[in-house]
Amino acid sequence: MEKKSRGIMATTAVVTALTLCFKALGFVKQAVVAYYFGTTFETDIYNVAFNFVGSLSSAFIRAITISLVSIYTHCLVQKGRDEASKLLSACLEILVPVVLMVLLITYIFTPQIAGILAPTYSPSESILLQHYLRICYPFFLFATITLVWTTLMDSNKDFVISRTESFITSTTTILSCILLYKVLAVSSLVVAQYLSYIIFSCLLLFRGRRYFKFTITKLSTMPEVRLVLMTALPLFIGNSVSQINKIVDSSVSTGLVYGSATALSLAVSLEDFVCNILINNVVDILYVNFSTYVAEGNQKKLGDTMRSAVNVMICIMVPITIVTCMCSKEIVSIAYFRGSFNEKSLVLTSAALIGYAVGFTSSGVRDIVLRVLYSFKDTKGPMITGFFAVAANIVCSIVLSKFIGIMGVSIASSVCLTVNFLINSHMLKKHMPDYTIRQFLPTLVKQLPGAAILFLIIIGFKHLFNSNILIFLCSAVVGLAIYGIILLGMKIDEVEMIKNQIFKRFKGAAS
């Protein structure tokens, strides 16, 4: 078991390191986009259209892939690779026609969709939004290919190739901006997205051949397909409800000053840098192992792994939240403040980033709890909790935006994540009777001394330096290092475990 735990940590470290490198390039990409386009009405139009298609893809395809991971892994463990391959083939036979039908429906109702996404737009502005919606719709089909094949790769614990999407998207976007901006303007971003999807899809298909061979499969011979669909349906409903959050946020932002929708999107990109590196990679790897533990009936290992993961997530995300909130203007300035990205853009984007950063910890622990529920093939519970969380988001987004503008929209999303975590934690008890949210309170309380000192350190650096880079780097490096030392003194088991693992590796390398 100890060897398997080390394997999980090693895999997570490799994937996290690769993602960090690719996301660093993502910073360059966003800086290039901000330099050429800034935050304007035209960029609002593109971001509203692109984010809607992304939300549609996430609600529909993610529901299938999340349910498929657990069932595919179970089939792989119990029946072997050939049967697992047949299961994936059968799912594709259903999924592709349904995706094409959804695309047809969205094309037909584009005017109505544009009216919902931007109710305050004039007729001419709405027509431009409809144009961008129509040229972005095919992204849905590409998302189907990439998400299904990413599921295949993750289930076979081949995590590296599926994490190159950020690198491919960043590279194509930078080149498109440089080469096509004068000819296509904002449309160059659409071209970049098409190119990145094509390249990434081809790479996944080539790599995935070692795990999967498509065969025409009779659905009646694969009872697991029905189980995938049955578990995916409540997930789809739950995810659809969750995506209403993003649609509401986008709709509310279009009613604020021009550039708000773009600023929200740029802040999300910075948020994604944290979430992809420190949350998504970890929970994706944990999910595969959670599913394996459930399939093996090893509840003790499942509980121990989940508890350790949540405690580590708290220790990592709390100080990062503090640094991000207090250095939001410095972070946004470093990433975007040049070219067409002006002072107004800086104020809007940094305000949105603060709201999202407040929910970093909630996002991390919620995703871990969700993956445990999904491992038990419980998708109905998260679907129900999604309704309550979305209701909280909608109310908070509308109300708070009237008082604090774009920051209110992003804070509402953080409130939604917290509500979601609390309710899902309560639902987890039916699968794990010994589970209680109170077990994490000591770790949370032990963050307080470090949080107070980190706050004072950042205030000191802000008075000492005028450079945005120096303020942020010193706050991040010195502040987080001192925070980590304080945590070591708090005797948190997971922190001690990480320290011991690091010392062992150093000793091994020295010998």
Protein backbone atom coordinates (compact mmCIF):
# COMPACT_ATOMS: atom_id res chain seq x y z
CA MET A 1 0.00 0.00 0.00
CA GLU A 2 2.86 2.35 0.82
CA LYS A 3 4.37 1.65 -2.59
CA LYS A 4 1.05 2.47 -4.28
CA SER A 5 0.80 5.73 -2.31
CA ARG A 6 4.29 6.70 -3.44
CA GLY A 7 3.24 5.87 -7.00
CA ILE A 8 0.25 8.20 -6.75
CA MET A 9 2.46 11.00 -5.39
CA ALA A 10 5.11 10.45 -8.07
CA THR A 11 2.54 10.46 -10.88
CA THR A 12 0.91 13.57 -9.46
CA ALA A 13 4.31 15.30 -9.23
CA VAL A 14 5.21 14.52 -12.85
CA VAL A 15 1.84 15.60 -14.21
CA THR A 16 1.86 18.72 -12.04
CA ALA A 17 5.36 19.68 -13.23
CA LEU A 18 4.37 19.28 -16.88
CA THR A 19 1.18 21.24 -16.34
CA LEU A 20 3.15 24.00 -14.61
CA CYS A 21 5.44 24.32 -17.64
CA PHE A 22 2.50 24.33 -20.06
CA LYS A 23 0.56 26.80 -17.94
CA ALA A 24 3.56 29.11 -17.85
CA LEU A 25 3.26 29.20 -21.61
CA GLY A 26 -0.45 29.79 -21.08
CA PHE A 27 0.48 32.99 -19.23
CA VAL A 28 2.42 34.09 -22.29
CA LYS A 29 -0.60 33.27 -24.46
CA GLN A 30 -2.97 35.34 -22.31
CA ALA A 31 -0.46 38.18 -22.22
CA VAL A 32 -0.30 38.15 -26.03
CA VAL A 33 -4.11 38.09 -26.32
CA ALA A 34 -4.45 40.93 -23.82
CA TYR A 35 -1.74 42.93 -25.63
CA TYR A 36 -3.52 42.70 -28.99
CA PHE A 37 -7.16 42.90 -27.87
CA GLY A 38 -7.44 44.34 -24.34
CA THR A 39 -10.97 44.27 -22.85
CA THR A 40 -13.43 45.61 -25.43
CA PHE A 41 -16.92 44.96 -26.73
CA GLU A 42 -15.51 42.79 -29.56
CA THR A 43 -13.62 40.58 -27.12
CA ASP A 44 -16.76 40.39 -24.96
CA ILE A 45 -18.67 39.01 -27.95
CA TYR A 46 -16.08 36.31 -28.63
CA ASN A 47 -15.75 35.31 -24.98
CA VAL A 48 -19.52 35.09 -24.45
CA ALA A 49 -19.87 32.84 -27.51
CA PHE A 50 -16.82 30.69 -26.77
CA ASN A 51 -17.66 30.28 -23.09
CA PHE A 52 -21.23 29.24 -23.93
CA VAL A 53 -19.99 26.46 -26.20
CA GLY A 54 -17.49 25.46 -23.52
CA SER A 55 -20.29 25.30 -20.95
CA LEU A 56 -22.43 23.22 -23.30
CA SER A 57 -19.54 20.81 -23.85
CA SER A 58 -18.79 20.57 -20.14
CA ALA A 59 -22.40 19.83 -19.19
CA PHE A 60 -22.97 17.22 -21.88
CA ILE A 61 -19.66 15.50 -22.50
CA ARG A 62 -18.24 15.75 -18.99
CA ALA A 63 -21.29 13.93 -17.66
CA ILE A 64 -20.53 10.97 -19.92
CA THR A 65 -16.79 10.93 -19.27
CA ILE A 66 -17.05 11.20 -15.48
CA SER A 67 -19.48 8.28 -15.30
CA LEU A 68 -17.38 6.40 -17.86
CA VAL A 69 -14.14 6.60 -15.83
CA SER A 70 -15.55 4.58 -12.93
CA ILE A 71 -17.39 2.02 -15.07
CA TYR A 72 -14.58 1.68 -17.63
CA THR A 73 -12.04 1.19 -14.82
CA HIS A 74 -14.26 -1.44 -13.18
CA CYS A 75 -14.67 -3.23 -16.54
CA LEU A 76 -10.92 -3.04 -17.17
CA VAL A 77 -10.12 -4.54 -13.75
CA GLN A 78 -12.80 -7.21 -13.80
CA LYS A 79 -13.07 -8.23 -17.49
CA GLY A 80 -9.89 -7.10 -19.21
CA ARG A 81 -8.91 -4.62 -21.92
CA ASP A 82 -10.93 -6.15 -24.79
CA GLU A 83 -14.24 -5.82 -22.97
CA ALA A 84 -13.33 -2.33 -21.79
CA SER A 85 -12.56 -1.41 -25.40
CA LYS A 86 -15.97 -2.71 -26.50
CA LEU A 87 -17.62 -0.61 -23.81
CA LEU A 88 -15.96 2.54 -25.12
CA SER A 89 -16.95 1.66 -28.71
CA ALA A 90 -20.58 1.19 -27.70
CA CYS A 91 -20.61 4.53 -25.89
CA LEU A 92 -19.23 6.30 -28.97
CA GLU A 93 -21.95 4.73 -31.14
CA ILE A 94 -24.50 6.48 -28.95
CA LEU A 95 -22.60 9.65 -28.15
CA VAL A 96 -21.60 10.91 -31.62
CA PRO A 97 -25.16 10.94 -33.13
CA VAL A 98 -26.49 12.65 -30.01
CA VAL A 99 -23.79 15.34 -30.23
CA LEU A 100 -24.67 16.00 -33.88
CA MET A 101 -28.34 16.34 -32.94
CA VAL A 102 -27.50 18.83 -30.18
CA LEU A 103 -25.47 20.87 -32.67
CA LEU A 104 -28.42 20.96 -35.08
CA ILE A 105 -30.74 22.19 -32.33
CA THR A 106 -28.34 24.92 -31.23
CA TYR A 107 -27.99 26.17 -34.82
CA ILE A 108 -31.77 26.41 -35.15
CA PHE A 109 -32.24 28.32 -31.89
CA THR A 110 -29.18 30.59 -32.15
CA PRO A 111 -31.18 33.88 -32.06
CA GLN A 112 -32.94 32.80 -28.87
CA ILE A 113 -29.66 31.65 -27.30
CA ALA A 114 -28.04 35.00 -28.10
CA GLY A 115 -30.95 36.79 -26.45
CA ILE A 116 -30.48 34.76 -23.25
CA LEU A 117 -26.71 35.21 -23.18
CA ALA A 118 -26.82 38.99 -23.67
CA PRO A 119 -30.31 40.38 -23.01
CA THR A 120 -29.05 43.99 -22.92
CA TYR A 121 -27.46 43.89 -26.41
CA SER A 122 -28.99 45.88 -29.27
CA PRO A 123 -30.25 44.01 -32.40
CA SER A 124 -27.02 44.72 -34.30
CA GLU A 125 -24.88 43.59 -31.36
CA SER A 126 -26.99 40.45 -31.00
CA ILE A 127 -26.50 39.59 -34.69
CA LEU A 128 -22.73 39.78 -34.22
CA LEU A 129 -23.00 37.49 -31.20
CA GLN A 130 -25.05 35.01 -33.27
CA HIS A 131 -22.31 34.99 -35.91
CA TYR A 132 -19.66 34.06 -33.36
CA LEU A 133 -21.92 31.44 -31.81
CA ARG A 134 -22.36 29.68 -35.14
CA ILE A 135 -18.66 29.55 -35.93
CA CYS A 136 -17.87 28.31 -32.40
CA TYR A 137 -20.50 25.53 -32.29
CA PRO A 138 -18.25 22.89 -34.00
CA PHE A 139 -15.93 23.12 -30.99
CA PHE A 140 -18.55 20.93 -29.30
CA LEU A 141 -17.74 18.02 -31.60
CA PHE A 142 -14.00 18.40 -31.03
CA ALA A 143 -14.61 18.52 -27.29
CA THR A 144 -16.37 15.16 -27.57
CA ILE A 145 -13.31 13.55 -29.12
CA THR A 146 -10.80 15.09 -26.73
CA LEU A 147 -12.76 14.44 -23.54
CA VAL A 148 -13.59 10.81 -24.37
CA TRP A 149 -10.00 10.06 -25.32
CA THR A 150 -8.69 11.89 -22.26
CA THR A 151 -10.93 9.61 -20.20
CA LEU A 152 -9.42 6.59 -21.94
CA MET A 153 -5.87 7.79 -21.25
CA ASP A 154 -6.56 8.68 -17.60
CA SER A 155 -8.29 5.34 -16.93
CA ASN A 156 -5.16 3.59 -18.19
CA LYS A 157 -3.05 5.89 -15.97
CA ASP A 158 -1.40 7.50 -19.01
CA PHE A 159 -1.70 11.10 -17.86
CA VAL A 160 1.08 12.92 -19.69
CA ILE A 161 -0.16 13.16 -23.30
CA SER A 162 -3.66 14.20 -22.28
CA ARG A 163 -2.16 17.18 -20.39
CA THR A 164 -0.52 18.71 -23.49
CA GLU A 165 -3.71 20.49 -24.56
CA SER A 166 -2.68 23.70 -22.82
CA PHE A 167 0.68 23.71 -24.63
CA ILE A 168 -0.94 23.17 -28.03
CA THR A 169 -3.65 25.79 -27.45
CA SER A 170 -1.15 28.37 -26.19
CA THR A 171 1.24 27.87 -29.10
CA THR A 172 -1.41 28.08 -31.81
CA THR A 173 -3.06 31.11 -30.19
CA ILE A 174 0.21 33.04 -29.95
CA LEU A 175 1.07 32.32 -33.58
CA SER A 176 -2.45 33.19 -34.76
CA CYS A 177 -2.39 36.53 -32.93
CA ILE A 178 1.00 37.45 -34.36
CA LEU A 179 0.32 36.30 -37.92
CA LEU A 180 -3.42 36.85 -38.37
CA TYR A 181 -4.42 39.74 -36.12
CA LYS A 182 -4.18 42.45 -38.81
CA VAL A 183 -6.24 40.36 -41.24
CA LEU A 184 -8.84 38.65 -39.02
CA ALA A 185 -8.81 40.68 -35.77
CA VAL A 186 -10.76 38.79 -33.06
CA SER A 187 -11.57 35.99 -35.51
CA SER A 188 -7.91 34.96 -35.31
CA LEU A 189 -8.77 33.51 -31.89
CA VAL A 190 -11.39 31.26 -33.52
CA VAL A 191 -8.83 30.03 -36.06
CA ALA A 192 -6.39 29.28 -33.24
CA GLN A 193 -8.98 27.24 -31.38
CA TYR A 194 -9.80 25.16 -34.46
CA LEU A 195 -6.13 24.44 -35.11
CA SER A 196 -5.43 23.48 -31.49
CA TYR A 197 -8.41 21.10 -31.34
CA ILE A 198 -7.35 19.38 -34.57
CA ILE A 199 -3.73 18.95 -33.46
CA PHE A 200 -4.64 17.76 -29.95
CA SER A 201 -7.30 15.34 -31.24
CA CYS A 202 -4.84 13.75 -33.68
CA LEU A 203 -2.26 13.36 -30.91
CA LEU A 204 -4.76 11.68 -28.59
CA LEU A 205 -6.05 9.36 -31.31
CA PHE A 206 -2.51 8.28 -32.20
CA ARG A 207 -1.50 7.66 -28.57
CA GLY A 208 -4.79 5.99 -27.65
CA ARG A 209 -4.38 3.21 -30.23
CA ARG A 210 -2.41 1.16 -27.71
CA TYR A 211 -5.41 1.07 -25.35
CA PHE A 212 -8.40 1.12 -27.66
CA LYS A 213 -9.53 -0.25 -31.01
CA PHE A 214 -12.95 0.75 -32.26
CA THR A 215 -15.26 -2.13 -33.14
CA ILE A 216 -18.93 -2.14 -34.08
CA THR A 217 -20.57 -3.43 -30.92
CA LYS A 218 -24.11 -4.60 -30.28
CA LEU A 219 -25.44 -2.52 -27.43
CA SER A 220 -27.38 -5.50 -26.09
CA THR A 221 -24.11 -7.33 -25.39
CA MET A 222 -22.77 -4.54 -23.21
CA PRO A 223 -24.94 -4.09 -20.10
CA GLU A 224 -22.39 -1.58 -18.78
CA VAL A 225 -23.55 0.92 -21.42
CA ARG A 226 -26.93 1.17 -19.74
CA LEU A 227 -25.16 1.75 -16.42
CA VAL A 228 -23.05 4.53 -18.00
CA LEU A 229 -26.18 6.24 -19.33
CA MET A 230 -28.09 5.80 -16.08
CA THR A 231 -25.28 7.36 -14.04
CA ALA A 232 -24.60 10.03 -16.67
CA LEU A 233 -28.20 11.29 -16.77
CA PRO A 234 -28.24 12.81 -13.27
CA LEU A 235 -24.68 14.01 -13.87
CA PHE A 236 -25.85 15.73 -17.05
CA ILE A 237 -28.71 17.38 -15.19
CA GLY A 238 -26.37 18.37 -12.36
CA ASN A 239 -23.71 19.68 -14.73
CA SER A 240 -26.33 21.49 -16.78
CA VAL A 241 -27.50 23.21 -13.64
CA SER A 242 -23.88 24.04 -12.83
CA GLN A 243 -23.34 25.52 -16.28
CA ILE A 244 -26.30 27.80 -15.68
CA ASN A 245 -23.93 29.48 -13.22
CA LYS A 246 -21.57 30.41 -16.03
CA ILE A 247 -24.39 31.48 -18.32
CA VAL A 248 -25.86 33.67 -15.57
CA ASP A 249 -22.40 35.11 -14.79
CA SER A 250 -21.83 35.85 -18.48
CA SER A 251 -25.29 37.37 -18.86
CA VAL A 252 -24.86 39.55 -15.76
CA SER A 253 -21.41 40.71 -16.91
CA THR A 254 -22.74 41.85 -20.30
CA GLY A 255 -25.03 44.23 -18.40
CA LEU A 256 -22.04 45.87 -16.70
CA VAL A 257 -19.49 48.16 -18.37
CA TYR A 258 -18.01 47.06 -21.72
CA GLY A 259 -15.10 44.73 -21.22
CA SER A 260 -16.55 43.06 -18.11
CA ALA A 261 -17.19 39.73 -19.85
CA THR A 262 -13.61 39.71 -21.16
CA ALA A 263 -12.19 40.67 -17.76
CA LEU A 264 -14.17 37.82 -16.21
CA SER A 265 -12.75 35.43 -18.80
CA LEU A 266 -9.17 36.64 -18.21
CA ALA A 267 -9.61 36.23 -14.46
CA VAL A 268 -10.90 32.70 -15.05
CA SER A 269 -7.72 31.99 -17.02
CA LEU A 270 -5.63 32.99 -14.01
CA GLU A 271 -7.89 30.94 -11.75
CA ASP A 272 -7.48 27.98 -14.10
CA PHE A 273 -3.72 28.22 -13.73
CA VAL A 274 -4.13 27.38 -10.05
CA CYS A 275 -7.00 24.93 -10.48
CA ASN A 276 -5.40 22.94 -13.30
CA ILE A 277 -2.06 22.59 -11.55
CA LEU A 278 -3.09 22.10 -7.95
CA ILE A 279 -6.66 20.78 -8.20
CA ASN A 280 -7.65 19.19 -11.51
CA ASN A 281 -4.52 17.09 -11.99
CA VAL A 282 -4.65 15.87 -8.41
CA VAL A 283 -8.35 14.96 -8.39
CA ASP A 284 -8.18 13.30 -11.83
CA ILE A 285 -5.40 11.02 -10.61
CA LEU A 286 -7.16 10.46 -7.28
CA TYR A 287 -10.42 9.64 -9.05
CA VAL A 288 -8.87 6.73 -10.92
CA ASN A 289 -7.45 5.41 -7.65
CA PHE A 290 -10.70 6.06 -5.77
CA SER A 291 -12.55 4.03 -8.42
CA THR A 292 -10.00 1.22 -8.08
CA TYR A 293 -10.36 1.15 -4.28
CA VAL A 294 -14.15 0.98 -4.57
CA ALA A 295 -13.93 -1.80 -7.17
CA GLU A 296 -11.59 -3.71 -4.81
CA GLY A 297 -13.84 -3.02 -1.80
CA ASN A 298 -10.97 -1.34 0.06
CA GLN A 299 -12.90 1.30 2.02
CA LYS A 300 -10.15 1.89 4.58
CA LYS A 301 -7.63 2.86 1.91
CA LEU A 302 -10.27 5.01 0.23
CA GLY A 303 -11.02 6.88 3.46
CA ASP A 304 -7.36 7.36 4.38
CA THR A 305 -6.45 8.62 0.90
CA MET A 306 -9.38 11.02 0.78
CA ARG A 307 -8.68 12.43 4.25
CA SER A 308 -5.01 12.99 3.45
CA ALA A 309 -5.88 14.58 0.10
CA VAL A 310 -8.33 17.06 1.67
CA ASN A 311 -5.89 18.05 4.43
CA VAL A 312 -3.07 18.59 1.92
CA MET A 313 -5.43 20.60 -0.29
CA ILE A 314 -6.31 22.88 2.64
CA CYS A 315 -2.64 23.42 3.52
CA ILE A 316 -1.82 24.33 -0.07
CA MET A 317 -4.83 26.40 -1.08
CA VAL A 318 -5.27 28.65 1.97
CA PRO A 319 -1.90 30.46 1.60
CA ILE A 320 -2.30 30.63 -2.19
CA THR A 321 -5.71 32.25 -1.67
CA ILE A 322 -4.19 34.89 0.61
CA VAL A 323 -1.36 35.69 -1.81
CA THR A 324 -3.73 35.86 -4.79
CA CYS A 325 -6.25 38.14 -3.07
CA MET A 326 -3.65 40.54 -1.67
CA CYS A 327 -1.53 40.62 -4.84
CA SER A 328 -4.35 40.53 -7.40
CA LYS A 329 -3.36 43.81 -9.09
CA GLU A 330 0.29 42.79 -9.19
CA ILE A 331 -0.59 39.39 -10.71
CA VAL A 332 -2.86 40.88 -13.36
CA SER A 333 -0.30 43.59 -14.16
CA ILE A 334 2.46 41.02 -14.66
CA ALA A 335 0.26 38.85 -16.84
CA TYR A 336 -1.64 41.39 -18.95
CA PHE A 337 -0.84 45.08 -18.33
CA ARG A 338 0.62 46.09 -21.67
CA GLY A 339 -0.53 47.11 -25.17
CA SER A 340 -4.32 47.47 -25.42
CA PHE A 341 -4.80 46.25 -21.83
CA ASN A 342 -5.22 49.57 -20.00
CA GLU A 343 -5.87 50.76 -16.43
CA LYS A 344 -9.62 50.13 -16.72
CA SER A 345 -8.92 46.54 -17.81
CA LEU A 346 -6.55 46.12 -14.86
CA VAL A 347 -9.15 47.23 -12.31
CA LEU A 348 -11.89 45.00 -13.76
CA THR A 349 -9.73 41.87 -14.06
CA SER A 350 -8.06 42.15 -10.65
CA ALA A 351 -11.46 42.63 -8.98
CA ALA A 352 -12.80 39.50 -10.69
CA LEU A 353 -9.68 37.54 -9.69
CA ILE A 354 -10.17 38.33 -6.00
CA GLY A 355 -13.68 36.91 -6.10
CA TYR A 356 -12.52 33.67 -7.73
CA ALA A 357 -9.52 33.30 -5.39
CA VAL A 358 -11.80 33.31 -2.35
CA GLY A 359 -13.14 29.96 -3.56
CA PHE A 360 -9.81 28.18 -4.22
CA THR A 361 -9.96 26.00 -1.10
CA SER A 362 -13.66 25.23 -1.52
CA SER A 363 -13.03 24.24 -5.13
CA GLY A 364 -10.25 21.82 -4.19
CA VAL A 365 -11.99 20.02 -1.34
CA ARG A 366 -15.32 19.96 -3.16
CA ASP A 367 -13.77 18.24 -6.19
CA ILE A 368 -12.18 15.57 -3.98
CA VAL A 369 -15.49 14.83 -2.25
CA LEU A 370 -17.28 14.76 -5.60
CA ARG A 371 -14.80 12.23 -7.00
CA VAL A 372 -15.41 9.94 -4.02
CA LEU A 373 -19.17 10.12 -4.63
CA TYR A 374 -18.65 9.40 -8.34
CA SER A 375 -16.44 6.42 -7.45
CA PHE A 376 -19.45 4.94 -5.66
CA LYS A 377 -21.44 5.64 -8.86
CA ASP A 378 -23.51 8.13 -6.89
CA THR A 379 -24.39 10.86 -9.36
CA LYS A 380 -27.91 11.56 -8.15
CA GLY A 381 -26.72 13.17 -4.90
CA PRO A 382 -24.38 15.68 -6.57
CA MET A 383 -27.14 16.48 -9.05
CA ILE A 384 -29.48 17.46 -6.21
CA THR A 385 -26.84 19.51 -4.42
CA GLY A 386 -26.10 21.27 -7.68
CA PHE A 387 -29.57 22.84 -7.67
CA PHE A 388 -29.05 24.38 -4.23
CA ALA A 389 -25.56 25.61 -5.10
CA VAL A 390 -26.71 27.16 -8.38
CA ALA A 391 -29.63 28.89 -6.66
CA ALA A 392 -27.14 30.45 -4.24
CA ASN A 393 -24.91 31.53 -7.13
CA ILE A 394 -27.72 33.10 -9.16
CA VAL A 395 -29.07 35.12 -6.23
CA CYS A 396 -25.60 36.23 -5.07
CA SER A 397 -24.43 37.07 -8.61
CA ILE A 398 -27.41 39.30 -9.36
CA VAL A 399 -27.45 41.00 -5.95
CA LEU A 400 -23.69 41.45 -5.40
CA SER A 401 -23.04 42.72 -8.94
CA LYS A 402 -25.34 45.65 -8.22
CA PHE A 403 -23.15 46.73 -5.29
CA ILE A 404 -19.58 45.67 -6.15
CA GLY A 405 -19.80 45.08 -9.90
CA ILE A 406 -17.75 42.32 -11.48
CA MET A 407 -16.26 41.21 -8.15
CA GLY A 408 -19.76 40.33 -7.03
CA VAL A 409 -20.14 37.96 -9.99
CA SER A 410 -16.95 36.06 -9.16
CA ILE A 411 -17.59 36.01 -5.40
CA ALA A 412 -20.97 34.42 -6.14
CA SER A 413 -19.16 31.54 -7.85
CA SER A 414 -17.05 31.00 -4.73
CA VAL A 415 -20.17 30.96 -2.57
CA CYS A 416 -21.61 28.32 -4.91
CA LEU A 417 -18.52 26.10 -4.47
CA THR A 418 -18.67 26.34 -0.68
CA VAL A 419 -22.37 25.46 -0.53
CA ASN A 420 -21.75 22.56 -2.90
CA PHE A 421 -18.93 21.15 -0.75
CA LEU A 422 -20.92 21.36 2.49
CA ILE A 423 -23.99 19.57 1.12
CA ASN A 424 -21.98 16.90 -0.74
CA SER A 425 -20.00 16.20 2.43
CA HIS A 426 -23.25 15.47 4.23
CA MET A 427 -24.33 13.10 1.44
CA LEU A 428 -21.04 11.20 1.54
CA LYS A 429 -21.90 9.76 4.97
CA LYS A 430 -24.29 7.21 3.46
CA HIS A 431 -21.35 5.59 1.65
CA MET A 432 -18.75 6.19 4.36
CA PRO A 433 -20.50 6.24 7.78
CA ASP A 434 -17.28 7.21 9.59
CA TYR A 435 -16.79 10.29 7.43
CA THR A 436 -17.32 13.65 9.09
CA ILE A 437 -16.41 17.15 8.00
CA ARG A 438 -15.23 17.90 11.54
CA GLN A 439 -12.11 15.78 10.96
CA PHE A 440 -10.73 18.60 8.78
CA LEU A 441 -11.33 21.41 11.28
CA PRO A 442 -8.03 20.94 13.20
CA THR A 443 -6.08 21.30 9.96
CA LEU A 444 -8.11 24.40 9.03
CA VAL A 445 -7.61 26.00 12.46
CA LYS A 446 -3.86 25.36 12.26
CA GLN A 447 -3.76 27.65 9.20
CA LEU A 448 -4.60 30.74 11.27
CA PRO A 449 -1.12 31.60 12.65
CA GLY A 450 0.50 31.21 9.25
CA ALA A 451 -2.30 33.18 7.58
CA ALA A 452 -1.86 36.12 9.97
CA ILE A 453 1.92 36.22 9.49
CA LEU A 454 1.60 35.86 5.70
CA PHE A 455 -0.82 38.80 5.67
CA LEU A 456 1.69 40.99 7.52
CA ILE A 457 4.57 39.86 5.28
CA ILE A 458 2.68 40.85 2.12
CA ILE A 459 1.74 44.23 3.61
CA GLY A 460 5.42 44.78 4.41
CA PHE A 461 6.55 43.94 0.86
CA LYS A 462 3.92 46.29 -0.58
CA HIS A 463 5.38 49.15 1.47
CA LEU A 464 8.96 48.15 0.74
CA PHE A 465 8.81 47.72 -3.07
CA ASN A 466 7.19 49.56 -5.97
CA SER A 467 7.79 46.83 -8.54
CA ASN A 468 4.84 44.51 -9.19
CA ILE A 469 7.18 41.62 -9.95
CA LEU A 470 9.19 42.07 -6.74
CA ILE A 471 6.07 42.39 -4.60
CA PHE A 472 4.52 39.24 -6.04
CA LEU A 473 7.68 37.13 -6.15
CA CYS A 474 8.73 38.04 -2.60
CA SER A 475 5.21 37.48 -1.31
CA ALA A 476 4.97 34.12 -3.06
CA VAL A 477 8.47 32.79 -2.37
CA VAL A 478 9.31 34.25 1.06
CA GLY A 479 5.74 34.38 2.34
CA LEU A 480 4.84 30.82 1.32
CA ALA A 481 8.19 29.48 2.61
CA ILE A 482 7.60 31.01 6.05
CA TYR A 483 4.00 29.76 5.94
CA GLY A 484 5.30 26.24 5.25
CA ILE A 485 7.75 26.44 8.17
CA ILE A 486 4.92 27.48 10.45
CA LEU A 487 2.83 24.53 9.24
CA LEU A 488 5.70 22.17 10.07
CA GLY A 489 5.55 23.44 13.61
CA MET A 490 1.82 22.70 13.77
CA LYS A 491 2.45 18.92 13.52
CA ILE A 492 0.01 18.18 10.69
CA ASP A 493 0.40 14.52 9.68
CA GLU A 494 0.20 15.14 5.94
CA VAL A 495 2.76 17.95 6.10
CA GLU A 496 5.10 15.68 8.04
CA MET A 497 4.58 12.95 5.45
CA ILE A 498 5.49 15.30 2.59
CA LYS A 499 8.57 16.52 4.49
CA ASN A 500 9.73 12.94 5.10
CA GLN A 501 9.21 12.02 1.45
CA ILE A 502 11.29 15.01 0.34
CA PHE A 503 14.09 14.14 2.79
CA LYS A 504 14.10 10.52 1.60
CA ARG A 505 14.45 11.61 -2.01
CA PHE A 506 17.29 13.98 -1.19
CA LYS A 507 19.09 11.24 0.76
CA GLY A 508 18.51 8.79 -2.09
CA ALA A 509 19.89 11.27 -4.62
CA ALA A 510 22.91 12.03 -2.41
CA SER A 511 23.74 8.34 -1.97
